[in-house]
N, C-alpha and C. Protein backbone atom coordinates (compact mmCIF):
# COMPACT_ATOMS: atom_id res chain seq x y z
N UNK A 1 -0.22 30.75 7.19
CA UNK A 1 -0.22 29.38 7.92
C UNK A 1 -0.23 28.35 6.85
N UNK A 2 0.57 27.52 7.07
CA UNK A 2 0.45 26.69 6.08
C UNK A 2 -0.49 25.68 6.17
N UNK A 3 -0.83 24.93 4.67
CA UNK A 3 -1.57 23.99 5.08
C UNK A 3 -1.33 22.71 4.77
N UNK A 4 -2.23 21.89 5.50
CA UNK A 4 -2.07 20.84 6.05
C UNK A 4 -2.62 19.77 4.81
N UNK A 5 -1.37 18.63 5.05
CA UNK A 5 -2.15 17.82 4.12
C UNK A 5 -3.27 16.71 4.35
N UNK A 6 -4.18 16.72 3.57
CA UNK A 6 -5.44 15.81 4.07
C UNK A 6 -4.54 13.93 4.57
N UNK A 7 -4.81 13.92 5.09
CA UNK A 7 -4.73 12.66 5.69
C UNK A 7 -5.48 11.28 4.53
N UNK A 8 -4.41 10.36 4.00
CA UNK A 8 -5.07 9.37 3.22
C UNK A 8 -5.39 8.09 3.76
N UNK A 9 -6.33 7.74 4.88
CA UNK A 9 -6.55 6.62 5.76
C UNK A 9 -6.32 4.99 4.60
N UNK A 10 -6.09 4.41 5.19
CA UNK A 10 -6.00 2.68 5.07
C UNK A 10 -7.58 2.09 4.85
N UNK A 11 -8.21 1.95 4.06
CA UNK A 11 -9.77 1.13 3.77
C UNK A 11 -9.65 -0.36 4.20
N UNK A 12 -10.58 -1.25 4.43
CA UNK A 12 -10.77 -2.61 4.57
C UNK A 12 -10.19 -2.69 3.05
N UNK A 13 -11.08 -1.96 2.13
CA UNK A 13 -11.09 -2.46 0.56
C UNK A 13 -9.24 -2.36 0.31
N UNK A 14 -8.86 -0.95 0.66
CA UNK A 14 -7.29 -1.10 0.13
C UNK A 14 -6.30 -2.25 0.80
N UNK A 15 -6.72 -2.23 2.44
CA UNK A 15 -5.59 -3.56 2.75
C UNK A 15 -6.15 -5.01 1.47
N UNK A 16 -7.53 -5.07 1.55
CA UNK A 16 -7.77 -6.33 0.67
C UNK A 16 -6.99 -6.48 -1.02
N UNK A 17 -7.15 -5.21 -1.45
CA UNK A 17 -6.39 -4.81 -2.85
C UNK A 17 -5.02 -5.49 -2.72
N UNK A 18 -4.60 -4.56 -1.14
CA UNK A 18 -3.10 -4.73 -1.07
C UNK A 18 -2.65 -6.72 -1.32
N UNK A 19 -3.56 -7.27 -0.53
CA UNK A 19 -3.37 -8.63 0.03
C UNK A 19 -3.39 -9.64 -1.51
N UNK A 20 -4.71 -9.06 -2.90
CA UNK A 20 -4.31 -9.70 -3.76
C UNK A 20 -3.70 -9.04 -4.71
N UNK A 21 -3.10 -7.90 -4.73
CA UNK A 21 -1.90 -7.84 -5.14
C UNK A 21 -0.03 -8.53 -4.89
N UNK A 22 -0.17 -8.59 -3.57
CA UNK A 22 1.06 -8.61 -2.63
C UNK A 22 1.52 -10.10 -3.51
N UNK A 23 2.75 -9.86 -4.36
CA UNK A 23 3.16 -11.29 -4.75
C UNK A 23 3.44 -11.26 -6.38
N UNK A 24 2.38 -10.33 -6.95
CA UNK A 24 2.55 -10.77 -8.23
C UNK A 24 2.32 -9.38 -8.81
N UNK A 25 2.31 -8.37 -8.33
CA UNK A 25 2.74 -7.14 -8.03
C UNK A 25 4.03 -6.35 -7.67
N UNK A 26 5.04 -5.29 -8.16
CA UNK A 26 5.65 -5.30 -7.31
C UNK A 26 5.63 -3.83 -6.67
N UNK A 27 5.87 -3.49 -5.24
CA UNK A 27 5.49 -2.45 -4.36
C UNK A 27 5.20 -1.04 -4.98
N UNK A 28 5.74 -0.89 -6.12
CA UNK A 28 6.28 0.38 -7.20
C UNK A 28 4.32 0.35 -7.40
N UNK A 29 4.26 -0.59 -8.37
CA UNK A 29 3.23 -0.80 -9.29
C UNK A 29 1.89 -1.18 -8.10
N UNK A 30 1.64 -1.39 -7.10
CA UNK A 30 0.72 -1.49 -5.98
C UNK A 30 0.41 -0.36 -5.59
N UNK A 31 1.63 0.52 -5.29
CA UNK A 31 1.92 1.44 -4.72
C UNK A 31 1.01 2.80 -6.35
N UNK A 32 1.06 2.29 -7.08
CA UNK A 32 0.50 3.05 -8.58
C UNK A 32 -0.64 2.78 -8.86
N UNK A 33 -0.99 1.97 -8.42
CA UNK A 33 -3.17 1.47 -8.31
C UNK A 33 -3.27 1.92 -7.24
N UNK A 34 -2.74 2.08 -6.10
CA UNK A 34 -3.85 2.29 -4.56
C UNK A 34 -3.33 3.78 -4.89
N UNK A 35 -2.35 4.64 -5.32
CA UNK A 35 -2.86 5.85 -5.07
C UNK A 35 -1.60 6.18 -4.48
N UNK A 36 -0.54 5.70 -3.81
CA UNK A 36 0.36 5.63 -2.78
C UNK A 36 1.47 5.59 -3.02
N UNK A 37 2.36 6.08 -2.17
CA UNK A 37 3.86 5.80 -2.05
C UNK A 37 4.28 4.49 -2.26
N UNK A 38 5.81 3.90 -3.03
CA UNK A 38 6.01 2.36 -2.68
C UNK A 38 6.44 2.11 -1.34
N UNK A 39 6.42 3.74 -0.51
CA UNK A 39 7.28 3.32 0.81
C UNK A 39 5.92 2.44 2.04
N UNK A 40 4.61 3.54 1.33
CA UNK A 40 3.60 3.22 2.17
C UNK A 40 2.86 1.55 2.04
N UNK A 41 3.50 1.37 0.89
CA UNK A 41 2.81 -0.04 0.82
C UNK A 41 3.80 -0.65 1.02
N UNK A 42 4.79 -0.70 0.95
CA UNK A 42 5.87 -1.65 2.36
C UNK A 42 5.82 -1.81 3.54
N UNK A 43 5.33 -0.35 4.16
CA UNK A 43 4.84 -0.36 5.55
C UNK A 43 4.17 -0.37 6.16
N UNK A 44 2.65 -0.75 5.14
CA UNK A 44 1.14 -1.60 5.65
C UNK A 44 1.62 -2.89 5.43
N UNK A 45 2.24 -3.12 4.38
CA UNK A 45 2.40 -4.51 3.87
C UNK A 45 3.12 -5.26 5.14
N UNK A 46 4.11 -4.60 5.63
CA UNK A 46 5.02 -5.19 7.06
C UNK A 46 3.92 -5.54 8.10
N UNK A 47 3.36 -3.78 8.39
CA UNK A 47 2.30 -4.20 9.69
C UNK A 47 1.29 -5.12 9.29
N UNK A 48 0.75 -5.44 8.45
CA UNK A 48 -0.34 -6.35 8.51
C UNK A 48 0.43 -7.89 8.10
N UNK A 49 1.67 -8.09 8.09
CA UNK A 49 2.20 -9.28 7.85
C UNK A 49 1.92 -9.77 6.58
N UNK A 50 2.18 -8.87 5.81
CA UNK A 50 1.89 -9.84 4.41
C UNK A 50 3.25 -9.34 3.49
N UNK A 51 3.77 -10.77 2.98
CA UNK A 51 4.70 -11.06 2.00
C UNK A 51 4.92 -9.90 1.15
N UNK A 52 5.49 -9.46 0.09
CA UNK A 52 5.79 -8.95 -1.23
C UNK A 52 6.70 -9.19 -2.23
N UNK A 53 7.12 -10.41 -1.53
CA UNK A 53 8.15 -11.34 -2.85
C UNK A 53 7.51 -11.89 -3.77
N UNK A 54 7.89 -11.43 -4.83
CA UNK A 54 7.26 -12.36 -6.11
C UNK A 54 7.48 -13.84 -6.34
N UNK A 55 6.48 -14.14 -6.26
CA UNK A 55 6.15 -15.48 -6.74
C UNK A 55 6.52 -16.36 -8.11
């Protein structure tokens, strides 16, 4: 039987860190800090209506 990967849920603290870093760091750098993939960071930012555009 195949082992299932543990789901890494987004906590309020993770979303707060995402909001703080958005616009200052790239999605790749944010993902590295949060131990998530770049696409996971981009999707969460999109679903929370957070702009990742560098300022």
